[in-house]
Every structure is written in C-alpha cells, then in structure tokens.
Amino acid sequence: MYIPDPDKLEEGEIILDSYQLLIESLVVKIAIIKDKKSNLFYTLSLLNLTKVTKIILEKIREEFISQVNIGRIDITEDTNKDIKERFKKEILVLINKYFPHTDQKTADLLISYIIRQNIGLGDLEILLKDSMLEEIVINSSKEPVYVYHRRFGWLRTNVQLSNETLIRHYATMIGRDVGKEITILNPIMDAHLPTGDRVHATLQPVSNMGNTITIRKFSEKPWAITDFIKANTISYAAAALLWLAVENELSILISGGTGSGKTSMLNVIANFFPPNQRIISIEDTREITLPENLHWVPMETRLPNPEGKGEVTMLDLIVGSLRMRPDRIIVGEIRRKKEAEVLFEAMHTGHSVYGTVHANNVEETIRRLTNPPIDIPLEMIPAVSLIVVQHRNRRTGKRRTLQIAEILPDSSYQILMQLDVQSDEHRKVKEMVHTMKVLNLYTGLTAKEIEQQMEEKIGILKWMVKHNITDINKVGDIMSKYYYTKTTKDFG
C-alpha cells in the first residue's frame, strides 16, 4: 500500500501540517500529507537517526534478540521497569561494539530506541505521545495503523506491524501489566495503559482479518469549561445555565453518540463543583480529572481474573459509594437497570448525580432510559433536572452541545437551548419553567435574581476566557473564590 514520503513528495502531494515531537531525546517529525487523490496520511520520521544508524541499530536489535531470550525471564516478579534496566546493560555492550566512540547522550538515545522496539510498543509509543491524536487503531498486520487526528479525522499512517504475532504480543503485554489476559479462549480484552489510555483488543478468528488493538487516548490535559467555550462547543449562556444547575445541586445526565464528548462534558461540569463537598466518581476506566482543591474520591471497576474471581462491578461501587457520605456522585456511563435504579434512588434521597448515557437527542435519551436494558419506570425520570446532549458532526469533526432540556414533573421534557446547525450558534428555545420553580422553592431566589446570577456567571466565564484560564486547577481556584465570597469584583 502506497504511503507518501514527506521527504520526497510526488507531483500533486502537499503537506497540510507538520510538527515535531521530542521523545526521550528522539526528535520525531510528524507530517499530514494530502495526495493527488485527496487522501490524507499521517507520517512520522526520526530526524536525528540517519539511515546508516538505523541499519546498524537493526543489526544490534537482531543480535540482542539472539543473545537474550526474553521468554526465560520471570516477568511475573519483574516489573516492566526492572526488565528495561536489566536489558540496558546488555544493549550498551552491543552499542559500544558497533559505536565505540558514542557519548552518553547518544548511547541513551540508542538504548531507548532499541528497548522501545523490543520490549516496548515500538512506534506505537511515538503515536501515544502525540497530543493531537485521540485514537490509535491496528486492524491487522496487512494494513497500516490508523489514527484519529483532532484536526484531520481518520488518517492512514506509515506505521505498520510486521505480523499478527507482534500484535498479539503487544495485546498480551498491555493486559499483563494490569492483570488482564487475552487468549484463544478469551479473545476479547478491555484494559488500560499506565497512562490511563483505554485499550480494546481482539484475536482471530473473532476479528476475521487479523488481530486488532484499539487505543483511545486519555487526554493529557483535562477539558476545562473555557476550552469548550473557546472551541465553540458550548455558548456562554448554556455554560452559565449548567453552572447554575450544578451550584444548586441539580442532577444532570449527559447523552450523545460515541466520540461526541460526553465524558469531556462530564469533566467540564465538574469544574463547577464547590470545594466543601465530597465527590465520588465511578468509572470502568478512569477518564475524569477534577481540580485538586476538591474533596474527590475516584473509584474504578475491576473485571474478574482468569478464574472468574475478584470482579468489582459498577453496581458494587455505586451501592458502596452511598455509604461514603457523598454530596455528589459521578458515574462514567449508565448501562444497566440495577445501576440506574440505585442512581435514581440516590437522586430521590437528596444526592446530586451526574452521568452519561448513549443517545443522540433528548427524546432518545428518555426512551433509552425507560426501555431495556436500562428499563427504569418513566415515573422516575423527573429525578433528573437537566439532560445535556453532545453531538459530533462526523463530516466536519466538530463537537457541539446539541440540546439542553429540563425534565418536567410528568416525565416529559422541554428544550431550553439548542444548536442552530446552520449558523453554528446556540439559541434559546424556551424559558425555564419547572427548573425556575425548583430553584425558587429551595433557594428563595426570584426569577429576576436567578437571571441576575446567570449574567454574573457569564461575566466570570468571559473574564476566564479573556485571561486564557484553561488549567482545571486554576478554574477550581476561581470557583472556590466565587463560592466563598459570592462576589464578582475580582473578575472584571
């Protein structure tokens, strides 16, 4: 399969974007190339390794493999770090043999390269370091690796794994590090990397074309509300509405399709939590990161071991969290009836709950909640105050808040704000009715005072955007100051 070479572009090929990554002294050039048929490619090249050096390194690698039988090492007792330290000495001997006058910095670079290619994840580790990538996909050894780029969407890369055995080896290695197993008898595995990146792997014949690995990258920088506003994902008015709801402990569900930004919105909503409350988060794989000034206890489910023991389910953690005196409960995703029943009961008993569910609009969200496999009674729906729908336009790659709706006492809903897709702007559809009554009942605030608070919050959000405050810890400090002083004088 032809992949453009960024150093030797053919007629009609152009570089749309390029940037560099520095990975342990290794300089990697990334280039996004469009060919003459308008296909897009993601290419990586090592800038400070010459072709001759790469050839010698390959010879060292082969000699290293022949001298060191990795399979004989008891990896159940050695950590990956211990194994790497042990092999550094072995590799250094070979480097001194082929590069006798190498300085320490160059030797470290060469050692890092060889270890990554042999007991690491090879060039996948380079892809994992690129913050512009959201997803890394291996479909088989017959195809190049694919990536999902924040700006350009799905791209074919110039990285390709040599055989199916290597793909399986990578999957086994990833699983081993977190106590998971993938075998012919158990050919599907969900796991995560030490960095928090989610991994899903399958083996033939479950995946017909070959072994697969799908890695959804954990965002190095958690999303802040200011990031969403600057990206036009949400408007100031919509953000202020969610802030008002969170401040007054109203429960919110976030729905949307795969990759629409549900978890990111969950993280953004958590920016508004006050610092004097206890927050419990429950996820299958940890993706949420809250400001460090919050009283936060993150919890994570656990799959059973190969003997079928030791499983900790979402339901176990939800039930357990209610015994931990939480003020707020965050749930990564609601999937099953029992989980939903406990969560909605928690809402009825005064806990504020925030979670996600797969659905494409408000109507579909309610239908999904009230039908199998979740199947909760329609009468329980009003325990949720607001439903926020996230949407990703697959053609443009834009992620937007599509709808914000309030749930009425009869379990119906009313759209408050909705995205005008043509203008790419959020528009008010209707005034709050039930939510206004609830806020008045529990806070004593009049409609005019609530509107005034909304304007204050919009003013603070604009001040934060103007001063480019996108670090969630700084956002948390601003929220703390606001909640304790209840004044906007420090924010313009």
Protein backbone atom coordinates (compact mmCIF):
# COMPACT_ATOMS: atom_id res chain seq x y z
CA MET A 1 0.00 0.00 0.00
CA TYR A 2 1.46 3.34 -1.09
CA ILE A 3 2.20 5.89 1.66
CA PRO A 4 3.64 9.31 0.68
CA ASP A 5 7.18 10.12 1.79
CA PRO A 6 7.34 13.63 3.35
CA ASP A 7 10.97 13.99 2.21
CA LYS A 8 10.21 13.01 -1.40
CA LEU A 9 6.78 14.30 -2.29
CA GLU A 10 5.47 13.31 -5.70
CA GLU A 11 3.61 15.64 -8.04
CA GLY A 12 0.22 16.64 -6.60
CA GLU A 13 1.16 15.78 -2.99
CA ILE A 14 1.19 18.56 -0.40
CA ILE A 15 1.95 18.80 3.32
CA LEU A 16 -1.09 20.19 5.13
CA ASP A 17 0.57 20.39 8.53
CA SER A 18 3.79 19.37 10.24
CA TYR A 19 5.20 19.49 13.76
CA GLN A 20 7.83 17.80 15.90
CA LEU A 21 7.72 15.58 18.98
CA LEU A 22 10.63 15.14 21.39
CA ILE A 23 10.55 11.65 22.91
CA GLU A 24 13.47 10.79 25.20
CA SER A 25 15.97 12.75 23.08
CA LEU A 26 14.46 11.31 19.90
CA VAL A 27 13.22 14.01 17.53
CA VAL A 28 10.20 12.86 15.54
CA LYS A 29 8.75 14.82 12.63
CA ILE A 30 5.01 14.44 12.04
CA ALA A 31 3.62 15.42 8.63
CA ILE A 32 0.00 15.34 7.45
CA ILE A 33 0.07 14.79 3.68
CA LYS A 34 -2.67 15.01 1.06
CA ASP A 35 -2.03 13.01 -2.09
CA LYS A 36 -3.25 13.82 -5.60
CA LYS A 37 -6.44 11.81 -4.95
CA SER A 38 -7.14 13.91 -1.81
CA ASN A 39 -6.41 11.01 0.53
CA LEU A 40 -4.87 12.11 3.85
CA PHE A 41 -1.91 10.41 5.52
CA TYR A 42 -0.13 10.73 8.87
CA THR A 43 3.61 10.13 8.57
CA LEU A 44 6.32 10.06 11.20
CA SER A 45 10.06 10.16 10.63
CA LEU A 46 13.01 10.16 13.03
CA LEU A 47 15.08 13.27 12.39
CA ASN A 48 18.18 12.54 14.48
CA LEU A 49 18.70 8.96 13.29
CA THR A 50 20.36 8.59 9.89
CA LYS A 51 19.58 5.69 7.57
CA VAL A 52 23.01 4.18 8.26
CA THR A 53 22.39 4.43 12.03
CA LYS A 54 19.01 2.74 11.63
CA ILE A 55 20.62 -0.14 9.68
CA ILE A 56 23.24 -0.62 12.40
CA LEU A 57 20.56 -0.39 15.10
CA GLU A 58 18.59 -3.11 13.35
CA LYS A 59 21.70 -5.31 13.38
CA ILE A 60 22.17 -4.58 17.11
CA ARG A 61 18.50 -5.38 17.69
CA GLU A 62 18.78 -8.74 15.95
CA GLU A 63 21.95 -9.61 17.87
CA PHE A 64 20.31 -8.52 21.10
CA ILE A 65 17.33 -10.80 20.46
CA SER A 66 19.62 -13.74 19.69
CA GLN A 67 21.64 -13.21 22.89
CA VAL A 68 18.81 -12.50 25.31
CA ASN A 69 15.91 -14.91 25.48
CA ILE A 70 13.15 -12.69 26.84
CA GLY A 71 10.85 -15.65 27.38
CA ARG A 72 13.06 -17.08 30.10
CA ILE A 73 12.73 -14.05 32.36
CA ASP A 74 10.20 -14.42 35.14
CA ILE A 75 8.09 -11.40 34.23
CA THR A 76 5.54 -12.24 36.93
CA GLU A 77 8.01 -10.97 39.51
CA ASP A 78 9.83 -8.34 37.49
CA THR A 79 8.16 -5.06 36.64
CA ASN A 80 8.50 -3.65 33.16
CA LYS A 81 10.88 -1.08 34.63
CA ASP A 82 13.09 -3.83 36.11
CA ILE A 83 13.24 -5.64 32.77
CA LYS A 84 14.27 -2.45 30.96
CA GLU A 85 17.03 -1.74 33.48
CA ARG A 86 18.34 -5.30 33.09
CA PHE A 87 18.45 -5.03 29.30
CA LYS A 88 20.12 -1.61 29.24
CA LYS A 89 23.43 -3.19 30.27
CA GLU A 90 23.12 -5.89 27.60
CA ILE A 91 22.34 -3.34 24.88
CA LEU A 92 25.10 -0.97 25.98
CA VAL A 93 27.69 -3.70 25.36
CA LEU A 94 26.43 -4.09 21.80
CA ILE A 95 26.32 -0.33 21.21
CA ASN A 96 29.95 0.01 22.35
CA LYS A 97 30.80 -2.80 19.94
CA TYR A 98 29.27 -1.06 16.90
CA PHE A 99 29.58 2.58 18.06
CA PRO A 100 32.83 2.57 20.09
CA HIS A 101 33.09 6.35 20.41
CA THR A 102 29.49 7.07 21.36
CA ASP A 103 28.89 9.69 24.06
CA GLN A 104 26.44 9.09 26.92
CA LYS A 105 23.62 11.17 25.45
CA THR A 106 23.73 9.32 22.13
CA ALA A 107 24.03 5.95 23.88
CA ASP A 108 20.90 6.72 25.94
CA LEU A 109 19.07 7.64 22.75
CA LEU A 110 20.07 4.39 21.02
CA ILE A 111 19.25 2.28 24.10
CA SER A 112 15.83 3.92 24.36
CA TYR A 113 15.16 3.23 20.68
CA ILE A 114 16.13 -0.47 20.89
CA ILE A 115 14.17 -1.09 24.11
CA ARG A 116 11.08 0.56 22.66
CA GLN A 117 11.31 -1.63 19.57
CA ASN A 118 11.83 -4.85 21.56
CA ILE A 119 10.11 -4.77 24.93
CA GLY A 120 8.01 -1.64 24.46
CA LEU A 121 5.25 -0.90 21.96
CA GLY A 122 7.59 0.17 19.16
CA ASP A 123 6.39 3.08 17.05
CA LEU A 124 3.00 2.93 18.80
CA GLU A 125 4.73 4.66 21.72
CA ILE A 126 5.50 7.60 19.43
CA LEU A 127 1.85 7.80 18.40
CA LEU A 128 0.83 7.71 22.06
CA LYS A 129 2.96 10.78 22.72
CA ASP A 130 1.20 12.88 20.07
CA SER A 131 -1.36 15.01 21.91
CA MET A 132 -3.15 15.70 18.61
CA LEU A 133 -4.28 12.07 18.39
CA GLU A 134 -7.43 10.75 20.03
CA GLU A 135 -7.48 7.17 18.78
CA ILE A 136 -4.89 4.66 17.56
CA VAL A 137 -6.14 1.60 15.69
CA ILE A 138 -4.47 -1.60 14.50
CA ASN A 139 -6.82 -3.57 12.22
CA SER A 140 -4.34 -6.29 11.24
CA SER A 141 -0.74 -6.70 10.08
CA LYS A 142 -1.97 -6.42 6.48
CA GLU A 143 -2.91 -2.76 6.92
CA PRO A 144 -1.08 0.30 8.24
CA VAL A 145 -2.02 1.68 11.64
CA TYR A 146 -4.84 4.23 11.56
CA VAL A 147 -5.14 7.26 13.85
CA TYR A 148 -7.88 9.75 14.63
CA HIS A 149 -6.38 13.25 14.50
CA ARG A 150 -8.10 16.17 16.28
CA ARG A 151 -7.86 18.37 13.17
CA PHE A 152 -7.97 15.93 10.26
CA GLY A 153 -10.04 12.97 11.49
CA TRP A 154 -9.13 9.41 10.47
CA LEU A 155 -5.71 9.09 8.82
CA ARG A 156 -3.69 6.18 7.47
CA THR A 157 -0.14 6.19 8.87
CA ASN A 158 3.24 4.97 7.68
CA VAL A 159 3.42 2.68 10.73
CA GLN A 160 2.65 -0.99 10.11
CA LEU A 161 3.17 -4.00 12.35
CA SER A 162 5.10 -6.81 10.68
CA ASN A 163 2.92 -9.79 11.64
CA GLU A 164 -0.08 -10.97 13.66
CA THR A 165 2.16 -12.43 16.36
CA LEU A 166 3.53 -8.99 17.16
CA ILE A 167 0.02 -7.53 17.50
CA ARG A 168 -0.90 -10.35 19.85
CA HIS A 169 2.35 -9.81 21.78
CA TYR A 170 1.50 -6.13 22.28
CA ALA A 171 -2.02 -7.00 23.46
CA THR A 172 -0.68 -9.64 25.86
CA MET A 173 1.91 -7.24 27.24
CA ILE A 174 -0.68 -4.49 27.80
CA GLY A 175 -3.03 -6.92 29.54
CA ARG A 176 -0.29 -8.41 31.72
CA ASP A 177 0.60 -5.01 33.15
CA VAL A 178 -2.93 -4.57 34.53
CA GLY A 179 -3.71 -8.19 35.39
CA LYS A 180 -5.79 -8.92 32.27
CA GLU A 181 -5.45 -11.88 29.90
CA ILE A 182 -6.17 -12.37 26.21
CA THR A 183 -6.14 -15.93 24.82
CA ILE A 184 -7.87 -18.04 22.19
CA LEU A 185 -10.42 -18.98 24.88
CA ASN A 186 -10.79 -15.33 25.92
CA PRO A 187 -10.14 -13.48 22.64
CA ILE A 188 -11.57 -10.09 23.71
CA MET A 189 -9.85 -7.86 26.25
CA ASP A 190 -10.57 -4.46 27.76
CA ALA A 191 -7.61 -2.94 29.58
CA HIS A 192 -5.74 0.31 30.01
CA LEU A 193 -2.20 1.59 29.80
CA PRO A 194 -0.41 3.06 32.85
CA THR A 195 -1.15 6.49 31.36
CA GLY A 196 -4.90 5.81 31.55
CA ASP A 197 -5.39 5.24 27.80
CA ARG A 198 -8.21 2.73 27.17
CA VAL A 199 -7.33 -0.41 25.21
CA HIS A 200 -9.63 -2.90 23.47
CA ALA A 201 -8.03 -5.92 21.79
CA THR A 202 -9.35 -8.90 19.83
CA LEU A 203 -7.76 -12.03 18.39
CA GLN A 204 -8.56 -14.03 15.28
CA PRO A 205 -10.99 -15.50 14.38
CA VAL A 206 -13.21 -13.11 16.37
CA SER A 207 -11.80 -10.34 14.16
CA ASN A 208 -11.72 -12.01 10.75
CA MET A 209 -8.96 -10.02 9.06
CA GLY A 210 -6.45 -10.30 11.91
CA ASN A 211 -5.69 -9.34 15.50
CA THR A 212 -6.77 -5.85 16.48
CA ILE A 213 -5.89 -3.23 19.08
CA THR A 214 -7.86 -0.04 19.59
CA ILE A 215 -6.40 2.59 21.93
CA ARG A 216 -8.50 5.57 22.99
CA LYS A 217 -6.06 8.10 24.36
CA PHE A 218 -6.52 9.63 27.78
CA SER A 219 -6.42 13.40 27.47
CA GLU A 220 -3.19 14.68 29.00
CA LYS A 221 -4.86 17.99 29.71
CA PRO A 222 -8.38 17.64 31.16
CA TRP A 223 -11.02 19.73 29.46
CA ALA A 224 -12.00 22.96 31.21
CA ILE A 225 -15.18 24.93 30.62
CA THR A 226 -13.07 27.65 28.97
CA ASP A 227 -11.75 25.10 26.43
CA PHE A 228 -15.34 24.26 25.49
CA ILE A 229 -16.31 27.91 25.12
CA LYS A 230 -13.22 28.79 23.06
CA ALA A 231 -13.86 25.81 20.77
CA ASN A 232 -17.50 26.96 20.37
CA THR A 233 -18.63 23.62 21.78
CA ILE A 234 -20.93 25.49 24.16
CA SER A 235 -22.10 29.09 24.46
CA TYR A 236 -21.60 31.39 27.45
CA ALA A 237 -25.32 31.29 28.23
CA ALA A 238 -25.51 27.49 28.09
CA ALA A 239 -22.38 27.18 30.26
CA ALA A 240 -23.85 29.61 32.80
CA LEU A 241 -27.06 27.57 32.90
CA LEU A 242 -25.13 24.38 33.69
CA TRP A 243 -23.09 26.25 36.32
CA LEU A 244 -26.32 27.47 37.95
CA ALA A 245 -27.70 23.91 37.99
CA VAL A 246 -24.52 22.41 39.46
CA GLU A 247 -24.23 25.17 42.09
CA ASN A 248 -27.76 24.38 43.25
CA GLU A 249 -27.20 20.60 43.29
CA LEU A 250 -29.50 19.66 40.41
CA SER A 251 -28.77 16.27 38.84
CA ILE A 252 -27.68 16.24 35.20
CA LEU A 253 -27.41 13.47 32.61
CA ILE A 254 -25.20 13.87 29.54
CA SER A 255 -26.07 11.90 26.41
CA GLY A 256 -24.58 11.62 22.95
CA GLY A 257 -23.06 9.22 20.47
CA THR A 258 -19.61 7.63 20.56
CA GLY A 259 -16.87 10.25 20.50
CA SER A 260 -19.30 13.16 20.91
CA GLY A 261 -17.60 14.44 24.06
CA LYS A 262 -19.87 13.05 26.80
CA THR A 263 -17.04 12.31 29.23
CA SER A 264 -15.35 15.61 28.39
CA MET A 265 -18.60 17.43 29.21
CA LEU A 266 -18.83 15.45 32.45
CA ASN A 267 -15.34 16.70 33.30
CA VAL A 268 -16.33 20.25 32.36
CA ILE A 269 -19.47 20.19 34.53
CA ALA A 270 -17.30 19.03 37.45
CA ASN A 271 -15.36 22.34 37.09
CA PHE A 272 -18.35 23.95 38.81
CA PHE A 273 -18.33 21.82 41.98
CA PRO A 274 -17.89 23.75 45.24
CA PRO A 275 -14.78 22.88 47.28
CA ASN A 276 -16.57 22.00 50.52
CA GLN A 277 -18.37 18.87 49.28
CA ARG A 278 -17.40 15.20 48.97
CA ILE A 279 -17.39 13.83 45.42
CA ILE A 280 -17.28 10.15 44.44
CA SER A 281 -16.58 9.25 40.80
CA ILE A 282 -17.21 5.75 39.44
CA GLU A 283 -15.86 4.61 36.06
CA ASP A 284 -14.88 1.46 34.19
CA THR A 285 -11.61 3.13 33.17
CA ARG A 286 -10.64 6.39 34.80
CA GLU A 287 -11.02 9.33 32.43
CA ILE A 288 -12.30 12.09 34.69
CA THR A 289 -9.85 14.50 36.33
CA LEU A 290 -11.14 17.06 38.81
CA PRO A 291 -9.49 20.20 40.25
CA GLU A 292 -7.07 19.29 43.03
CA ASN A 293 -8.80 21.54 45.58
CA LEU A 294 -11.89 19.30 45.57
CA HIS A 295 -12.67 16.56 48.10
CA TRP A 296 -12.69 13.81 45.46
CA VAL A 297 -12.53 10.00 45.68
CA PRO A 298 -12.11 8.34 42.25
CA MET A 299 -13.19 4.68 42.01
CA GLU A 300 -12.81 2.15 39.21
CA THR A 301 -14.45 -1.17 38.38
CA ARG A 302 -12.44 -4.37 38.02
CA LEU A 303 -13.01 -7.35 35.74
CA PRO A 304 -12.75 -10.90 37.14
CA ASN A 305 -9.41 -12.72 36.97
CA PRO A 306 -8.95 -15.77 34.67
CA GLU A 307 -10.56 -17.93 37.38
CA GLY A 308 -13.64 -15.71 37.38
CA LYS A 309 -12.96 -14.18 40.79
CA GLY A 310 -12.33 -10.69 42.14
CA GLU A 311 -14.80 -8.77 39.96
CA VAL A 312 -15.91 -5.33 41.19
CA THR A 313 -18.89 -4.09 39.20
CA MET A 314 -20.32 -0.63 38.63
CA LEU A 315 -23.27 -1.63 40.81
CA ASP A 316 -20.92 -2.67 43.64
CA LEU A 317 -19.25 0.73 43.57
CA ILE A 318 -22.50 2.71 43.29
CA VAL A 319 -24.03 0.90 46.26
CA GLY A 320 -20.77 1.28 48.18
CA SER A 321 -20.50 4.98 47.37
CA LEU A 322 -23.82 5.68 49.09
CA ARG A 323 -22.21 4.51 52.35
CA MET A 324 -19.36 7.02 51.91
CA ARG A 325 -21.46 10.12 52.60
CA PRO A 326 -21.12 11.65 49.14
CA ASP A 327 -22.55 15.05 48.23
CA ARG A 328 -22.04 14.42 44.52
CA ILE A 329 -21.82 11.14 42.61
CA ILE A 330 -20.32 10.98 39.11
CA VAL A 331 -20.90 7.85 37.00
CA GLY A 332 -18.91 7.31 33.82
CA GLU A 333 -21.72 5.56 31.96
CA ILE A 334 -25.14 4.17 32.87
CA ARG A 335 -25.69 0.88 31.05
CA ARG A 336 -27.86 -1.49 33.11
CA LYS A 337 -31.13 -1.48 35.02
CA LYS A 338 -29.77 -2.15 38.52
CA GLU A 339 -27.20 0.64 38.25
CA ALA A 340 -29.83 3.10 37.02
CA GLU A 341 -32.31 2.13 39.74
CA VAL A 342 -29.75 2.72 42.50
CA LEU A 343 -28.66 6.02 40.95
CA PHE A 344 -32.19 7.33 40.56
CA GLU A 345 -32.96 6.26 44.13
CA ALA A 346 -29.87 8.22 45.18
CA MET A 347 -31.27 11.28 43.40
CA HIS A 348 -34.59 10.85 45.22
CA THR A 349 -32.77 10.69 48.57
CA GLY A 350 -31.03 14.02 48.03
CA HIS A 351 -27.76 13.15 46.27
CA SER A 352 -26.67 15.09 43.21
CA VAL A 353 -25.84 12.66 40.41
CA TYR A 354 -24.02 13.29 37.13
CA GLY A 355 -23.59 10.59 34.50
CA THR A 356 -23.55 9.74 30.82
CA VAL A 357 -25.71 7.57 28.59
CA HIS A 358 -25.57 6.71 24.88
CA ALA A 359 -28.36 8.51 22.99
CA ASN A 360 -28.48 11.09 20.19
CA ASN A 361 -31.07 13.58 21.45
CA VAL A 362 -33.27 14.29 24.48
CA GLU A 363 -36.24 12.24 23.28
CA GLU A 364 -33.99 9.27 22.53
CA THR A 365 -32.31 9.66 25.94
CA ILE A 366 -35.60 9.28 27.80
CA ARG A 367 -36.61 6.39 25.55
CA ARG A 368 -33.28 4.65 26.21
CA LEU A 369 -33.59 5.13 29.97
CA THR A 370 -37.13 3.71 30.04
CA ASN A 371 -36.56 0.71 27.77
CA PRO A 372 -34.35 -2.42 28.09
CA PRO A 373 -31.58 -2.87 29.03
CA ILE A 374 -31.85 0.13 31.41
CA ASP A 375 -35.64 0.00 31.68
CA ILE A 376 -36.38 2.27 34.63
CA PRO A 377 -40.01 3.39 35.21
CA LEU A 378 -40.97 6.57 33.40
CA GLU A 379 -42.15 8.00 36.73
CA MET A 380 -38.52 8.08 37.97
CA ILE A 381 -37.24 10.33 35.17
CA PRO A 382 -38.10 13.67 36.92
CA ALA A 383 -35.36 12.93 39.47
CA VAL A 384 -33.07 14.27 36.73
CA SER A 385 -33.30 18.04 36.35
CA LEU A 386 -31.43 18.57 33.08
CA ILE A 387 -30.37 16.49 30.09
CA VAL A 388 -27.42 17.74 28.04
CA VAL A 389 -26.89 16.23 24.58
CA GLN A 390 -23.47 16.23 22.95
CA HIS A 391 -23.06 15.76 19.20
CA ARG A 392 -20.16 15.19 16.83
CA ASN A 393 -20.51 16.09 13.18
CA ARG A 394 -18.66 13.20 11.51
CA ARG A 395 -18.20 15.19 8.32
CA THR A 396 -16.50 18.20 9.93
CA GLY A 397 -15.30 16.59 13.16
CA LYS A 398 -16.85 19.41 15.21
CA ARG A 399 -18.17 18.56 18.67
CA ARG A 400 -21.05 20.66 19.94
CA THR A 401 -23.62 20.74 22.73
CA LEU A 402 -26.74 19.97 20.70
CA GLN A 403 -29.51 20.38 23.27
CA ILE A 404 -30.12 21.29 26.90
CA ALA A 405 -33.53 20.30 28.23
CA GLU A 406 -35.33 20.38 31.56
CA ILE A 407 -37.39 17.41 32.72
CA LEU A 408 -40.95 18.26 33.74
CA PRO A 409 -42.91 16.63 36.63
CA ASP A 410 -44.97 14.50 34.20
CA SER A 411 -41.72 12.96 32.79
CA SER A 412 -41.93 14.97 29.59
CA TYR A 413 -39.25 17.45 28.63
CA GLN A 414 -38.80 20.99 27.40
CA ILE A 415 -35.86 22.09 25.24
CA LEU A 416 -34.24 25.20 26.74
CA MET A 417 -31.32 25.65 24.35
CA GLN A 418 -30.49 24.05 21.02
CA LEU A 419 -27.74 24.30 18.45
CA ASP A 420 -28.63 26.01 15.19
CA VAL A 421 -26.51 23.83 12.92
CA GLN A 422 -26.58 26.28 10.01
CA SER A 423 -25.18 29.22 11.99
CA ASP A 424 -23.26 27.03 14.47
CA GLU A 425 -24.77 29.01 17.34
CA HIS A 426 -26.73 28.05 20.44
CA ARG A 427 -30.19 29.57 20.61
CA LYS A 428 -32.66 29.82 23.46
CA VAL A 429 -35.77 27.79 22.61
CA LYS A 430 -37.90 28.30 25.73
CA GLU A 431 -37.61 29.87 29.16
CA MET A 432 -37.02 27.67 32.19
CA VAL A 433 -40.31 26.80 33.85
CA HIS A 434 -40.01 23.83 36.18
CA THR A 435 -36.31 24.41 36.94
CA MET A 436 -37.13 28.02 37.89
CA LYS A 437 -39.82 26.77 40.31
CA VAL A 438 -37.40 24.25 41.84
CA LEU A 439 -34.71 26.89 42.32
CA ASN A 440 -37.25 29.27 43.85
CA LEU A 441 -38.52 26.56 46.21
CA TYR A 442 -35.12 25.57 47.56
CA THR A 443 -33.21 28.89 47.36
CA GLY A 444 -35.91 31.52 47.62
CA LEU A 445 -34.46 33.26 44.57
CA THR A 446 -36.89 35.09 42.32
CA ALA A 447 -36.83 34.76 38.54
CA LYS A 448 -35.14 38.18 38.33
CA GLU A 449 -32.46 37.18 40.86
CA ILE A 450 -31.81 33.91 39.01
CA GLU A 451 -31.43 35.84 35.76
CA GLN A 452 -29.03 38.19 37.51
CA GLN A 453 -26.94 35.23 38.73
CA MET A 454 -26.83 33.91 35.18
CA GLU A 455 -25.46 37.25 33.95
CA GLU A 456 -22.84 37.24 36.73
CA LYS A 457 -21.70 33.78 35.72
CA ILE A 458 -21.48 34.78 32.06
CA GLY A 459 -19.31 37.72 33.13
CA ILE A 460 -16.93 35.45 35.08
CA LEU A 461 -16.74 32.97 32.19
CA LYS A 462 -15.87 35.79 29.78
CA TRP A 463 -13.18 37.01 32.18
CA MET A 464 -11.71 33.47 32.35
CA VAL A 465 -11.68 33.13 28.55
CA LYS A 466 -10.14 36.60 28.16
CA HIS A 467 -7.33 35.64 30.56
CA ASN A 468 -6.92 32.22 28.89
CA ILE A 469 -7.52 30.24 32.08
CA THR A 470 -7.72 26.65 30.85
CA ASP A 471 -5.97 24.77 33.66
CA ILE A 472 -8.65 22.96 35.68
CA ASN A 473 -6.83 23.65 38.96
CA LYS A 474 -6.90 27.39 38.26
CA VAL A 475 -10.55 27.08 37.26
CA GLY A 476 -11.15 25.26 40.56
CA ASP A 477 -9.46 28.11 42.47
CA ILE A 478 -11.71 30.66 40.76
CA MET A 479 -14.82 28.60 41.58
CA SER A 480 -13.67 28.34 45.18
CA LYS A 481 -13.17 32.10 45.44
CA TYR A 482 -16.60 32.73 43.91
CA TYR A 483 -18.41 30.31 46.20
CA TYR A 484 -16.77 31.66 49.34
CA THR A 485 -17.12 35.38 48.51
CA LYS A 486 -20.24 35.37 46.29
CA THR A 487 -18.86 38.41 44.53
CA THR A 488 -17.70 39.14 41.00
CA LYS A 489 -15.48 42.10 41.86
CA ASP A 490 -12.28 40.05 41.28
CA PHE A 491 -13.38 39.08 37.78
CA GLY A 492 -13.52 42.34 35.88
